[in-house]
């Protein structure tokens, strides 16, 4: 006579809250990136996440709250990837290159994240756009700090805080525009795209940190 297998009683073990929230946000980022904020529904998100819609609301609130939470999470992930990728003990050009490589590497591996961060958040305006402004400010601060501290290396003059901030803003804007273009040209390798931006900006940055500054020609007085 064979013993009967034990009968399992009770419900399946609940997932920890952090795991469940990550599951929900992963699904939400996927749906928001594909459908956009307005077309995305909580029904679709709950189906992709594999949970009930009441549970979705219980964990992360309304669609607006969920979208804002996704933006903040993806922004933090992006900034952590860049900060971790910067080789802080290297010369300024290598630091910048490693940061750009980390940025485009993140976008390559997380296209849905960038779609939500840049295209969806920007077009919705209001508090969502403010989240993007905060992300841009953090990125500018990171690049500006790199330029300011470039004086730690031999023969590199120190950039002023205002000068570094303005140059960092220009670089961040160029990076955002190029990443947005890249969404429509996914066949381009990440390293190639990063190298294009590096060549574009460092040809100028390299001269600036070395003290070589271009001056506009003086205007000639027009003949009477």
N, C-alpha and C. Protein backbone atom coordinates (compact mmCIF):
# COMPACT_ATOMS: atom_id res chain seq x y z
N UNK A 1 0.85 -1.19 0.00
CA UNK A 1 0.00 0.00 0.00
C UNK A 1 0.89 1.25 0.00
N UNK A 2 0.61 2.12 -0.92
CA UNK A 2 1.42 3.33 -1.05
C UNK A 2 0.80 4.46 -0.24
N UNK A 3 1.67 5.21 0.42
CA UNK A 3 1.18 6.35 1.20
C UNK A 3 0.73 7.46 0.26
N UNK A 4 -0.34 8.12 0.61
CA UNK A 4 -0.85 9.24 -0.18
C UNK A 4 0.06 10.46 0.01
N UNK A 5 0.32 11.21 -1.05
CA UNK A 5 1.13 12.42 -0.88
C UNK A 5 0.42 13.40 0.04
N UNK A 6 1.19 14.19 0.78
CA UNK A 6 0.56 15.15 1.70
C UNK A 6 -0.25 16.18 0.95
N UNK A 7 -1.36 16.55 1.52
CA UNK A 7 -2.23 17.55 0.92
C UNK A 7 -1.80 18.92 1.42
N UNK A 8 -1.53 19.81 0.48
CA UNK A 8 -1.14 21.17 0.85
C UNK A 8 -2.38 21.99 1.14
N UNK A 9 -2.36 22.65 2.25
CA UNK A 9 -3.52 23.46 2.63
C UNK A 9 -3.12 24.93 2.68
N UNK A 10 -4.13 25.78 2.60
CA UNK A 10 -3.86 27.22 2.68
C UNK A 10 -3.45 27.81 1.35
N UNK A 11 -3.31 29.13 1.35
CA UNK A 11 -2.95 29.85 0.12
C UNK A 11 -1.46 29.79 -0.13
N UNK A 12 -1.09 30.03 -1.37
CA UNK A 12 0.33 30.09 -1.71
C UNK A 12 0.99 31.24 -0.96
N UNK A 13 2.23 31.08 -0.67
CA UNK A 13 2.97 32.08 0.07
C UNK A 13 2.96 33.41 -0.68
N UNK A 14 2.64 34.49 0.04
CA UNK A 14 2.60 35.81 -0.58
C UNK A 14 4.02 36.31 -0.83
N UNK A 15 4.15 37.03 -1.94
CA UNK A 15 5.44 37.63 -2.26
C UNK A 15 5.70 38.82 -1.33
N UNK A 16 6.97 39.08 -1.00
CA UNK A 16 7.27 40.29 -0.23
C UNK A 16 6.80 41.53 -0.99
N UNK A 17 6.43 42.56 -0.26
CA UNK A 17 5.88 43.76 -0.88
C UNK A 17 6.83 44.36 -1.92
N UNK A 18 8.13 44.41 -1.59
CA UNK A 18 9.09 44.99 -2.53
C UNK A 18 9.13 44.22 -3.83
N UNK A 19 9.04 42.90 -3.75
CA UNK A 19 9.06 42.07 -4.96
C UNK A 19 7.80 42.30 -5.77
N UNK A 20 6.66 42.37 -5.10
CA UNK A 20 5.39 42.60 -5.79
C UNK A 20 5.37 43.97 -6.47
N UNK A 21 5.88 44.98 -5.77
CA UNK A 21 5.91 46.33 -6.37
C UNK A 21 6.83 46.37 -7.58
N UNK A 22 7.97 45.67 -7.50
CA UNK A 22 8.85 45.63 -8.66
C UNK A 22 8.17 44.93 -9.83
N UNK A 23 7.44 43.88 -9.55
CA UNK A 23 6.70 43.16 -10.59
C UNK A 23 5.68 44.09 -11.26
N UNK A 24 4.99 44.87 -10.45
CA UNK A 24 3.98 45.79 -10.99
C UNK A 24 4.64 46.87 -11.83
N UNK A 25 5.70 47.46 -11.31
CA UNK A 25 6.35 48.55 -12.06
C UNK A 25 7.00 48.06 -13.34
N UNK A 26 7.56 46.86 -13.33
CA UNK A 26 8.10 46.30 -14.57
C UNK A 26 7.01 46.19 -15.63
N UNK A 27 5.85 45.71 -15.20
CA UNK A 27 4.72 45.59 -16.14
C UNK A 27 4.25 46.96 -16.59
N UNK A 28 4.19 47.92 -15.66
CA UNK A 28 3.71 49.26 -16.00
C UNK A 28 4.64 49.95 -16.99
N UNK A 29 5.94 49.84 -16.78
CA UNK A 29 6.90 50.45 -17.71
C UNK A 29 6.73 49.85 -19.10
N UNK A 30 6.53 48.56 -19.18
CA UNK A 30 6.32 47.90 -20.47
C UNK A 30 5.06 48.45 -21.15
N UNK A 31 3.97 48.53 -20.41
CA UNK A 31 2.70 48.98 -21.00
C UNK A 31 2.75 50.46 -21.35
N UNK A 32 3.26 51.29 -20.44
CA UNK A 32 3.33 52.73 -20.72
C UNK A 32 4.23 53.02 -21.93
N UNK A 33 5.33 52.27 -22.07
CA UNK A 33 6.24 52.53 -23.18
C UNK A 33 5.60 52.16 -24.51
N UNK A 34 4.75 51.12 -24.51
CA UNK A 34 4.13 50.67 -25.76
C UNK A 34 2.89 51.46 -26.14
N UNK A 35 2.09 51.82 -25.14
CA UNK A 35 0.79 52.41 -25.41
C UNK A 35 0.70 53.90 -25.10
N UNK A 36 1.64 54.40 -24.31
CA UNK A 36 1.54 55.78 -23.86
C UNK A 36 0.66 55.87 -22.62
N UNK A 37 0.76 57.00 -21.92
CA UNK A 37 0.06 57.13 -20.65
C UNK A 37 -1.45 57.05 -20.81
N UNK A 38 -2.03 57.79 -21.74
CA UNK A 38 -3.49 57.85 -21.86
C UNK A 38 -4.08 56.53 -22.35
N UNK A 39 -3.44 55.89 -23.30
CA UNK A 39 -3.98 54.64 -23.85
C UNK A 39 -3.77 53.45 -22.92
N UNK A 40 -2.78 53.53 -22.06
CA UNK A 40 -2.51 52.43 -21.12
C UNK A 40 -3.64 52.34 -20.11
N UNK A 41 -4.07 51.13 -19.82
CA UNK A 41 -5.13 50.93 -18.83
C UNK A 41 -4.62 50.10 -17.66
N UNK A 42 -5.26 50.30 -16.53
CA UNK A 42 -4.90 49.50 -15.36
C UNK A 42 -5.24 48.04 -15.58
N UNK A 43 -6.25 47.77 -16.40
CA UNK A 43 -6.58 46.38 -16.74
C UNK A 43 -5.41 45.72 -17.46
N UNK A 44 -4.84 46.44 -18.43
CA UNK A 44 -3.72 45.91 -19.19
C UNK A 44 -2.51 45.68 -18.28
N UNK A 45 -2.23 46.66 -17.41
CA UNK A 45 -1.08 46.55 -16.52
C UNK A 45 -1.26 45.38 -15.55
N UNK A 46 -2.46 45.23 -15.00
CA UNK A 46 -2.69 44.14 -14.06
C UNK A 46 -2.57 42.79 -14.76
N UNK A 47 -3.01 42.72 -16.02
CA UNK A 47 -2.89 41.47 -16.77
C UNK A 47 -1.42 41.12 -17.03
N UNK A 48 -0.62 42.12 -17.46
CA UNK A 48 0.79 41.87 -17.71
C UNK A 48 1.52 41.51 -16.42
N UNK A 49 1.14 42.16 -15.31
CA UNK A 49 1.77 41.88 -14.02
C UNK A 49 1.33 40.56 -13.42
N UNK A 50 0.18 40.05 -13.89
CA UNK A 50 -0.33 38.80 -13.37
C UNK A 50 -0.97 38.93 -12.00
N UNK A 51 -1.58 40.10 -11.74
CA UNK A 51 -2.26 40.31 -10.47
C UNK A 51 -3.63 40.92 -10.75
N UNK A 52 -4.47 40.96 -9.73
CA UNK A 52 -5.80 41.55 -9.88
C UNK A 52 -5.70 43.08 -9.88
N UNK A 53 -6.69 43.72 -10.52
CA UNK A 53 -6.68 45.18 -10.54
C UNK A 53 -6.86 45.78 -9.14
N UNK A 54 -7.71 45.22 -8.27
CA UNK A 54 -7.78 45.76 -6.91
C UNK A 54 -6.42 45.71 -6.18
N UNK A 55 -5.65 44.63 -6.41
CA UNK A 55 -4.34 44.54 -5.79
C UNK A 55 -3.40 45.61 -6.36
N UNK A 56 -3.53 45.86 -7.65
CA UNK A 56 -2.71 46.89 -8.30
C UNK A 56 -2.96 48.25 -7.65
N UNK A 57 -4.22 48.61 -7.45
CA UNK A 57 -4.55 49.87 -6.81
C UNK A 57 -4.08 49.89 -5.35
N UNK A 58 -4.20 48.76 -4.68
CA UNK A 58 -3.82 48.69 -3.27
C UNK A 58 -2.32 48.92 -3.08
N UNK A 59 -1.52 48.44 -4.03
CA UNK A 59 -0.07 48.55 -3.89
C UNK A 59 0.45 49.91 -4.31
N UNK A 60 0.00 50.43 -5.46
CA UNK A 60 0.64 51.63 -6.01
C UNK A 60 -0.34 52.73 -6.41
N UNK A 61 -1.59 52.61 -6.01
CA UNK A 61 -2.53 53.70 -6.19
C UNK A 61 -3.06 53.84 -7.61
N UNK A 62 -3.42 55.07 -7.97
CA UNK A 62 -4.03 55.36 -9.25
C UNK A 62 -3.02 55.25 -10.39
N UNK A 63 -3.54 55.36 -11.62
CA UNK A 63 -2.65 55.29 -12.78
C UNK A 63 -1.65 56.45 -12.76
N UNK A 64 -2.09 57.62 -12.35
CA UNK A 64 -1.19 58.77 -12.27
C UNK A 64 -0.07 58.51 -11.25
N UNK A 65 -0.44 57.98 -10.09
CA UNK A 65 0.56 57.68 -9.06
C UNK A 65 1.53 56.60 -9.52
N UNK A 66 1.00 55.61 -10.20
CA UNK A 66 1.84 54.52 -10.72
C UNK A 66 2.82 55.05 -11.77
N UNK A 67 2.34 55.91 -12.64
CA UNK A 67 3.20 56.47 -13.68
C UNK A 67 4.32 57.30 -13.07
N UNK A 68 3.98 58.13 -12.08
CA UNK A 68 5.00 58.95 -11.41
C UNK A 68 6.02 58.08 -10.70
N UNK A 69 5.56 57.01 -10.07
CA UNK A 69 6.47 56.09 -9.39
C UNK A 69 7.41 55.42 -10.37
N UNK A 70 6.89 55.05 -11.53
CA UNK A 70 7.73 54.44 -12.57
C UNK A 70 8.80 55.41 -13.06
N UNK A 71 8.41 56.67 -13.26
CA UNK A 71 9.38 57.66 -13.72
C UNK A 71 10.51 57.81 -12.71
N UNK A 72 10.15 57.92 -11.43
CA UNK A 72 11.19 58.08 -10.40
C UNK A 72 12.09 56.85 -10.34
N UNK A 73 11.50 55.67 -10.43
CA UNK A 73 12.34 54.47 -10.35
C UNK A 73 13.29 54.39 -11.53
N UNK A 74 12.79 54.63 -12.73
CA UNK A 74 13.64 54.52 -13.91
C UNK A 74 14.71 55.61 -13.91
N UNK A 75 14.36 56.80 -13.42
CA UNK A 75 15.35 57.88 -13.32
C UNK A 75 16.47 57.49 -12.37
N UNK A 76 16.10 56.90 -11.23
CA UNK A 76 17.12 56.47 -10.27
C UNK A 76 18.00 55.36 -10.86
N UNK A 77 17.39 54.44 -11.56
CA UNK A 77 18.16 53.36 -12.18
C UNK A 77 19.16 53.91 -13.20
N UNK A 78 18.71 54.88 -13.99
CA UNK A 78 19.58 55.48 -15.00
C UNK A 78 20.76 56.20 -14.34
N UNK A 79 20.48 57.01 -13.32
CA UNK A 79 21.55 57.76 -12.68
C UNK A 79 22.53 56.82 -11.97
N UNK A 80 22.03 55.77 -11.36
CA UNK A 80 22.91 54.80 -10.71
C UNK A 80 23.81 54.11 -11.72
N UNK A 81 23.25 53.79 -12.90
CA UNK A 81 24.05 53.14 -13.94
C UNK A 81 25.17 54.05 -14.42
N UNK A 82 24.87 55.34 -14.59
CA UNK A 82 25.89 56.29 -15.05
C UNK A 82 26.96 56.48 -13.98
N UNK A 83 26.51 56.71 -12.73
CA UNK A 83 27.47 56.93 -11.64
C UNK A 83 28.37 55.72 -11.45
N UNK A 84 27.80 54.53 -11.56
CA UNK A 84 28.59 53.31 -11.40
C UNK A 84 29.56 53.11 -12.57
N UNK A 85 29.18 53.64 -13.75
CA UNK A 85 30.01 53.43 -14.93
C UNK A 85 31.17 54.38 -15.06
N UNK A 86 31.08 55.56 -14.42
CA UNK A 86 32.14 56.55 -14.53
C UNK A 86 33.40 56.05 -13.82
N UNK A 87 34.51 56.06 -14.53
CA UNK A 87 35.79 55.63 -13.96
C UNK A 87 36.46 56.85 -13.35
N UNK A 88 36.16 57.07 -12.06
CA UNK A 88 36.51 58.33 -11.40
C UNK A 88 38.01 58.54 -11.25
N UNK A 89 38.80 57.49 -11.34
CA UNK A 89 40.25 57.64 -11.15
C UNK A 89 40.99 57.87 -12.47
N UNK A 90 40.25 58.05 -13.54
CA UNK A 90 40.84 58.23 -14.86
C UNK A 90 40.84 59.70 -15.26
N UNK A 91 41.61 60.08 -16.30
CA UNK A 91 41.60 61.46 -16.79
C UNK A 91 40.20 61.89 -17.22
N UNK A 92 39.96 63.20 -17.33
CA UNK A 92 38.62 63.70 -17.63
C UNK A 92 37.98 63.11 -18.88
N UNK A 93 38.77 62.94 -19.95
CA UNK A 93 38.17 62.40 -21.17
C UNK A 93 37.71 60.97 -20.98
N UNK A 94 38.46 60.17 -20.24
CA UNK A 94 38.07 58.78 -20.00
C UNK A 94 36.87 58.73 -19.06
N UNK A 95 36.82 59.64 -18.09
CA UNK A 95 35.65 59.70 -17.22
C UNK A 95 34.39 60.01 -18.03
N UNK A 96 34.49 61.00 -18.91
CA UNK A 96 33.34 61.36 -19.73
C UNK A 96 32.96 60.22 -20.65
N UNK A 97 33.92 59.60 -21.27
CA UNK A 97 33.65 58.48 -22.17
C UNK A 97 32.97 57.33 -21.43
N UNK A 98 33.47 57.00 -20.24
CA UNK A 98 32.88 55.89 -19.49
C UNK A 98 31.45 56.23 -19.06
N UNK A 99 31.21 57.52 -18.75
CA UNK A 99 29.85 57.93 -18.40
C UNK A 99 28.91 57.85 -19.58
N UNK A 100 29.36 58.31 -20.75
CA UNK A 100 28.53 58.22 -21.96
C UNK A 100 28.26 56.76 -22.33
N UNK A 101 29.27 55.95 -22.21
CA UNK A 101 29.11 54.53 -22.52
C UNK A 101 28.10 53.89 -21.58
N UNK A 102 28.14 54.26 -20.29
CA UNK A 102 27.18 53.73 -19.33
C UNK A 102 25.77 54.21 -19.65
N UNK A 103 25.65 55.50 -20.04
CA UNK A 103 24.33 56.05 -20.38
C UNK A 103 23.72 55.32 -21.57
N UNK A 104 24.47 55.22 -22.66
CA UNK A 104 23.91 54.57 -23.84
C UNK A 104 23.77 53.06 -23.64
N UNK A 105 24.61 52.49 -22.78
CA UNK A 105 24.44 51.08 -22.45
C UNK A 105 23.13 50.85 -21.72
N UNK A 106 22.77 51.77 -20.80
CA UNK A 106 21.50 51.65 -20.10
C UNK A 106 20.34 51.77 -21.08
N UNK A 107 20.39 52.77 -21.95
CA UNK A 107 19.30 52.95 -22.91
C UNK A 107 19.18 51.72 -23.81
N UNK A 108 20.33 51.15 -24.20
CA UNK A 108 20.29 49.95 -25.06
C UNK A 108 19.59 48.79 -24.37
N UNK A 109 19.86 48.61 -23.08
CA UNK A 109 19.28 47.49 -22.36
C UNK A 109 17.93 47.77 -21.76
N UNK A 110 17.50 49.05 -21.80
CA UNK A 110 16.24 49.44 -21.16
C UNK A 110 15.51 50.47 -22.02
N UNK A 111 15.25 50.11 -23.25
CA UNK A 111 14.62 51.06 -24.17
C UNK A 111 13.23 51.48 -23.68
N UNK A 112 12.52 50.57 -23.04
CA UNK A 112 11.20 50.93 -22.50
C UNK A 112 11.34 52.01 -21.43
N UNK A 113 12.39 51.92 -20.62
CA UNK A 113 12.63 52.92 -19.59
C UNK A 113 12.83 54.30 -20.20
N UNK A 114 13.69 54.38 -21.22
CA UNK A 114 13.94 55.67 -21.84
C UNK A 114 12.71 56.19 -22.55
N UNK A 115 11.93 55.29 -23.14
CA UNK A 115 10.68 55.69 -23.78
C UNK A 115 9.76 56.36 -22.76
N UNK A 116 9.64 55.77 -21.59
CA UNK A 116 8.79 56.34 -20.54
C UNK A 116 9.39 57.63 -20.00
N UNK A 117 10.69 57.63 -19.75
CA UNK A 117 11.35 58.79 -19.15
C UNK A 117 11.32 60.00 -20.05
N UNK A 118 11.68 59.81 -21.31
CA UNK A 118 11.87 60.97 -22.16
C UNK A 118 10.65 61.30 -23.01
N UNK A 119 10.10 60.31 -23.68
CA UNK A 119 8.98 60.62 -24.57
C UNK A 119 7.66 60.74 -23.82
N UNK A 120 7.33 59.77 -22.99
CA UNK A 120 6.04 59.79 -22.32
C UNK A 120 5.96 60.87 -21.25
N UNK A 121 6.96 60.94 -20.38
CA UNK A 121 6.92 61.93 -19.30
C UNK A 121 6.93 63.35 -19.85
N UNK A 122 7.71 63.57 -20.90
CA UNK A 122 7.84 64.91 -21.46
C UNK A 122 6.54 65.37 -22.10
N UNK A 123 5.85 64.46 -22.80
CA UNK A 123 4.63 64.86 -23.51
C UNK A 123 3.44 65.03 -22.58
N UNK A 124 3.47 64.43 -21.40
CA UNK A 124 2.34 64.55 -20.48
C UNK A 124 2.34 65.87 -19.73
N UNK A 125 3.51 66.47 -19.55
CA UNK A 125 3.59 67.74 -18.85
C UNK A 125 3.27 67.62 -17.38
N UNK A 126 2.99 68.77 -16.73
CA UNK A 126 2.61 68.77 -15.33
C UNK A 126 3.66 68.14 -14.43
N UNK A 127 3.22 67.39 -13.42
CA UNK A 127 4.16 66.79 -12.46
C UNK A 127 5.09 65.77 -13.11
N UNK A 128 4.64 65.15 -14.19
CA UNK A 128 5.48 64.16 -14.86
C UNK A 128 6.68 64.83 -15.52
N UNK A 129 6.45 65.96 -16.16
CA UNK A 129 7.55 66.70 -16.78
C UNK A 129 8.52 67.21 -15.71
N UNK A 130 7.99 67.55 -14.53
CA UNK A 130 8.88 68.02 -13.46
C UNK A 130 9.82 66.91 -12.99
N UNK A 131 9.34 65.67 -13.04
CA UNK A 131 10.22 64.55 -12.71
C UNK A 131 11.38 64.48 -13.69
N UNK A 132 11.09 64.75 -14.98
CA UNK A 132 12.13 64.74 -15.99
C UNK A 132 13.10 65.89 -15.80
N UNK A 133 12.58 67.05 -15.40
CA UNK A 133 13.45 68.19 -15.12
C UNK A 133 14.40 67.86 -13.97
N UNK A 134 13.89 67.16 -12.96
CA UNK A 134 14.73 66.76 -11.83
C UNK A 134 15.83 65.81 -12.30
N UNK A 135 15.47 64.85 -13.16
CA UNK A 135 16.46 63.92 -13.70
C UNK A 135 17.54 64.67 -14.47
N UNK A 136 17.12 65.64 -15.31
CA UNK A 136 18.09 66.40 -16.09
C UNK A 136 19.03 67.19 -15.17
N UNK A 137 18.47 67.75 -14.11
CA UNK A 137 19.30 68.50 -13.17
C UNK A 137 20.34 67.62 -12.50
N UNK A 138 19.96 66.40 -12.15
CA UNK A 138 20.91 65.48 -11.52
C UNK A 138 22.02 65.10 -12.51
N UNK A 139 21.65 64.90 -13.77
CA UNK A 139 22.65 64.55 -14.79
C UNK A 139 23.60 65.71 -15.03
N UNK A 140 23.06 66.94 -15.06
CA UNK A 140 23.91 68.12 -15.25
C UNK A 140 24.89 68.27 -14.08
N UNK A 141 24.41 68.04 -12.87
CA UNK A 141 25.29 68.13 -11.70
C UNK A 141 26.43 67.13 -11.78
N UNK A 142 26.11 65.92 -12.27
CA UNK A 142 27.13 64.87 -12.37
C UNK A 142 28.21 65.26 -13.37
N UNK A 143 27.81 65.75 -14.55
CA UNK A 143 28.78 66.13 -15.57
C UNK A 143 29.55 67.37 -15.15
N UNK A 144 28.87 68.33 -14.54
CA UNK A 144 29.53 69.55 -14.09
C UNK A 144 30.60 69.24 -13.05
N UNK A 145 30.31 68.31 -12.15
CA UNK A 145 31.30 67.92 -11.14
C UNK A 145 32.53 67.32 -11.80
N UNK A 146 32.32 66.56 -12.86
CA UNK A 146 33.45 65.97 -13.59
C UNK A 146 34.33 67.08 -14.16
N UNK A 147 33.72 68.11 -14.75
CA UNK A 147 34.49 69.18 -15.36
C UNK A 147 35.20 70.04 -14.31
N UNK A 148 34.51 70.29 -13.20
CA UNK A 148 35.12 71.10 -12.14
C UNK A 148 36.33 70.39 -11.56
N UNK A 149 36.21 69.09 -11.36
CA UNK A 149 37.30 68.34 -10.72
C UNK A 149 38.38 67.90 -11.71
N UNK A 150 38.25 68.33 -12.95
CA UNK A 150 39.27 67.96 -13.93
C UNK A 150 40.62 68.57 -13.58
N UNK A 151 40.61 69.60 -12.72
CA UNK A 151 41.87 70.25 -12.32
C UNK A 151 42.75 69.34 -11.47
N UNK A 152 42.21 68.22 -11.01
CA UNK A 152 43.00 67.30 -10.21
C UNK A 152 44.08 66.61 -11.06
N UNK A 153 43.95 66.73 -12.39
CA UNK A 153 44.91 66.08 -13.27
C UNK A 153 45.92 67.10 -13.79
N UNK A 154 47.16 66.67 -14.02
CA UNK A 154 48.21 67.60 -14.44
C UNK A 154 47.87 68.35 -15.73
N UNK A 155 48.23 69.63 -15.77
CA UNK A 155 48.11 70.46 -16.97
C UNK A 155 46.67 70.71 -17.40
N UNK A 156 45.70 70.49 -16.50
CA UNK A 156 44.31 70.75 -16.83
C UNK A 156 43.79 71.85 -15.91
N UNK A 157 43.46 73.03 -16.46
CA UNK A 157 42.99 74.10 -15.60
C UNK A 157 41.59 73.81 -15.06
N UNK A 158 41.26 74.42 -13.94
CA UNK A 158 39.97 74.20 -13.31
C UNK A 158 38.89 75.01 -14.01
N UNK A 159 37.79 74.33 -14.34
CA UNK A 159 36.66 75.05 -14.92
C UNK A 159 35.88 75.72 -13.81
N UNK A 160 35.39 76.93 -14.06
CA UNK A 160 34.55 77.61 -13.07
C UNK A 160 33.22 76.89 -12.92
N UNK A 161 32.57 77.07 -11.78
CA UNK A 161 31.32 76.37 -11.52
C UNK A 161 30.25 76.72 -12.55
N UNK A 162 30.10 78.01 -12.85
CA UNK A 162 29.07 78.43 -13.81
C UNK A 162 29.40 77.92 -15.21
N UNK A 163 30.66 78.00 -15.59
CA UNK A 163 31.08 77.50 -16.90
C UNK A 163 30.84 76.00 -17.00
N UNK A 164 31.22 75.26 -15.96
CA UNK A 164 31.04 73.80 -15.97
C UNK A 164 29.56 73.44 -16.06
N UNK A 165 28.72 74.17 -15.33
CA UNK A 165 27.28 73.88 -15.34
C UNK A 165 26.69 74.11 -16.72
N UNK A 166 27.08 75.20 -17.38
CA UNK A 166 26.52 75.49 -18.70
C UNK A 166 26.98 74.46 -19.73
N UNK A 167 28.25 74.07 -19.66
CA UNK A 167 28.74 73.06 -20.59
C UNK A 167 28.08 71.70 -20.33
N UNK A 168 27.86 71.39 -19.05
CA UNK A 168 27.19 70.14 -18.71
C UNK A 168 25.76 70.12 -19.22
N UNK A 169 25.07 71.26 -19.14
CA UNK A 169 23.70 71.34 -19.65
C UNK A 169 23.67 71.08 -21.16
N UNK A 170 24.66 71.63 -21.87
CA UNK A 170 24.74 71.40 -23.32
C UNK A 170 24.96 69.93 -23.63
N UNK A 171 25.84 69.28 -22.87
CA UNK A 171 26.12 67.86 -23.11
C UNK A 171 24.91 66.99 -22.80
N UNK A 172 24.24 67.26 -21.68
CA UNK A 172 23.07 66.46 -21.31
C UNK A 172 21.98 66.61 -22.36
N UNK A 173 21.77 67.84 -22.82
CA UNK A 173 20.77 68.04 -23.87
C UNK A 173 21.10 67.28 -25.14
N UNK A 174 22.39 67.29 -25.52
CA UNK A 174 22.80 66.55 -26.72
C UNK A 174 22.61 65.05 -26.52
N UNK A 175 22.94 64.56 -25.32
CA UNK A 175 22.77 63.15 -25.03
C UNK A 175 21.33 62.72 -25.09
N UNK A 176 20.42 63.53 -24.54
CA UNK A 176 19.00 63.21 -24.58
C UNK A 176 18.49 63.17 -26.02
N UNK A 177 18.89 64.16 -26.81
CA UNK A 177 18.43 64.21 -28.20
C UNK A 177 18.94 63.02 -29.00
N UNK A 178 20.20 62.66 -28.78
CA UNK A 178 20.76 61.53 -29.52
C UNK A 178 20.11 60.22 -29.09
N UNK A 179 19.86 60.06 -27.80
CA UNK A 179 19.19 58.84 -27.32
C UNK A 179 17.78 58.76 -27.88
N UNK A 180 17.10 59.90 -27.98
CA UNK A 180 15.75 59.91 -28.55
C UNK A 180 15.80 59.53 -30.03
N UNK A 181 16.78 60.05 -30.76
CA UNK A 181 16.97 59.66 -32.16
C UNK A 181 17.25 58.17 -32.27
N UNK A 182 18.01 57.66 -31.32
CA UNK A 182 18.43 56.26 -31.35
C UNK A 182 17.25 55.32 -31.18
N UNK A 183 16.19 55.76 -30.47
CA UNK A 183 15.00 54.91 -30.33
C UNK A 183 14.43 54.54 -31.69
N UNK A 184 14.57 55.43 -32.66
CA UNK A 184 14.04 55.19 -33.99
C UNK A 184 15.06 54.54 -34.92
N UNK A 185 16.29 54.34 -34.43
CA UNK A 185 17.35 53.71 -35.23
C UNK A 185 18.06 52.66 -34.36
N UNK A 186 17.32 51.65 -33.89
CA UNK A 186 17.89 50.68 -32.94
C UNK A 186 18.98 49.79 -33.51
N UNK A 187 19.17 49.83 -34.83
CA UNK A 187 20.22 49.00 -35.43
C UNK A 187 21.61 49.56 -35.17
N UNK A 188 21.71 50.82 -34.73
CA UNK A 188 23.01 51.42 -34.45
C UNK A 188 23.56 50.85 -33.14
N UNK A 189 24.80 50.35 -33.10
CA UNK A 189 25.36 49.81 -31.85
C UNK A 189 25.55 50.91 -30.81
N UNK A 190 25.38 50.54 -29.54
CA UNK A 190 25.50 51.51 -28.44
C UNK A 190 26.87 52.19 -28.43
N UNK A 191 27.93 51.41 -28.63
CA UNK A 191 29.27 51.97 -28.60
C UNK A 191 29.51 52.98 -29.70
N UNK A 192 28.92 52.73 -30.86
CA UNK A 192 29.08 53.65 -31.99
C UNK A 192 28.38 54.98 -31.69
N UNK A 193 27.16 54.89 -31.14
CA UNK A 193 26.41 56.10 -30.83
C UNK A 193 27.13 56.91 -29.74
N UNK A 194 27.62 56.22 -28.72
CA UNK A 194 28.36 56.90 -27.65
C UNK A 194 29.62 57.56 -28.19
N UNK A 195 30.32 56.89 -29.08
CA UNK A 195 31.56 57.45 -29.64
C UNK A 195 31.28 58.69 -30.49
N UNK A 196 30.15 58.71 -31.19
CA UNK A 196 29.81 59.89 -31.98
C UNK A 196 29.63 61.11 -31.09
N UNK A 197 28.91 60.93 -30.00
CA UNK A 197 28.71 62.06 -29.10
C UNK A 197 30.01 62.45 -28.43
N UNK A 198 30.82 61.47 -28.07
CA UNK A 198 32.12 61.76 -27.44
C UNK A 198 32.98 62.58 -28.37
N UNK A 199 33.04 62.21 -29.64
CA UNK A 199 33.85 62.95 -30.60
C UNK A 199 33.29 64.35 -30.83
N UNK A 200 31.97 64.47 -30.81
CA UNK A 200 31.36 65.78 -31.01
C UNK A 200 31.70 66.72 -29.87
N UNK A 201 31.56 66.24 -28.62
CA UNK A 201 31.72 67.16 -27.50
C UNK A 201 33.16 67.29 -27.03
N UNK A 202 33.94 66.20 -27.06
CA UNK A 202 35.27 66.31 -26.47
C UNK A 202 36.23 67.11 -27.33
N UNK A 203 35.98 67.18 -28.63
CA UNK A 203 36.82 68.03 -29.45
C UNK A 203 36.75 69.47 -28.96
N UNK A 204 35.54 69.84 -28.46
CA UNK A 204 35.39 71.18 -27.90
C UNK A 204 35.76 71.23 -26.43
N UNK A 205 35.28 70.26 -25.65
CA UNK A 205 35.59 70.25 -24.23
C UNK A 205 37.09 70.13 -23.99
N UNK A 206 37.74 69.32 -24.81
CA UNK A 206 39.17 69.12 -24.62
C UNK A 206 39.93 70.42 -24.73
N UNK A 207 39.57 71.24 -25.72
CA UNK A 207 40.21 72.55 -25.86
C UNK A 207 39.85 73.47 -24.70
N UNK A 208 38.58 73.43 -24.28
CA UNK A 208 38.14 74.33 -23.23
C UNK A 208 38.86 74.06 -21.91
N UNK A 209 38.96 72.78 -21.52
CA UNK A 209 39.62 72.49 -20.25
C UNK A 209 41.12 72.74 -20.35
N UNK A 210 41.65 72.79 -21.58
CA UNK A 210 43.07 73.12 -21.75
C UNK A 210 43.29 74.62 -21.88
N UNK A 211 42.19 75.37 -21.85
CA UNK A 211 42.32 76.83 -21.90
C UNK A 211 42.32 77.41 -23.29
N UNK A 212 42.04 76.61 -24.32
CA UNK A 212 42.00 77.12 -25.70
C UNK A 212 40.57 77.52 -26.04
N UNK A 213 40.32 78.80 -26.09
CA UNK A 213 38.95 79.30 -26.25
C UNK A 213 38.83 80.03 -27.58
N UNK A 214 37.76 79.74 -28.31
CA UNK A 214 37.47 80.43 -29.56
C UNK A 214 36.81 81.76 -29.26
N UNK A 215 37.21 82.81 -30.02
CA UNK A 215 36.60 84.13 -29.88
C UNK A 215 36.00 84.53 -31.22
N UNK A 216 34.83 85.12 -31.20
CA UNK A 216 34.23 85.57 -32.46
C UNK A 216 35.05 86.70 -33.05
N UNK A 217 35.07 86.80 -34.38
CA UNK A 217 35.84 87.89 -35.02
C UNK A 217 35.21 89.23 -34.69
N UNK A 218 36.05 90.25 -34.61
CA UNK A 218 35.51 91.59 -34.34
C UNK A 218 34.73 92.07 -35.53
N UNK A 219 33.63 92.76 -35.25
CA UNK A 219 32.77 93.22 -36.33
C UNK A 219 33.36 94.47 -36.97
N UNK A 220 33.35 94.47 -38.28
CA UNK A 220 33.88 95.65 -39.00
C UNK A 220 32.81 96.75 -39.08
N UNK A 221 33.27 97.94 -38.97
CA UNK A 221 32.35 99.06 -39.08
C UNK A 221 31.88 99.21 -40.52
N UNK A 222 30.61 99.22 -40.69
CA UNK A 222 30.08 99.30 -42.05
C UNK A 222 30.45 100.63 -42.69
N UNK A 223 30.79 100.57 -43.97
CA UNK A 223 31.17 101.80 -44.68
C UNK A 223 29.93 102.67 -44.87
N UNK A 224 30.11 103.99 -44.78
CA UNK A 224 28.94 104.88 -44.95
C UNK A 224 28.42 104.81 -46.37
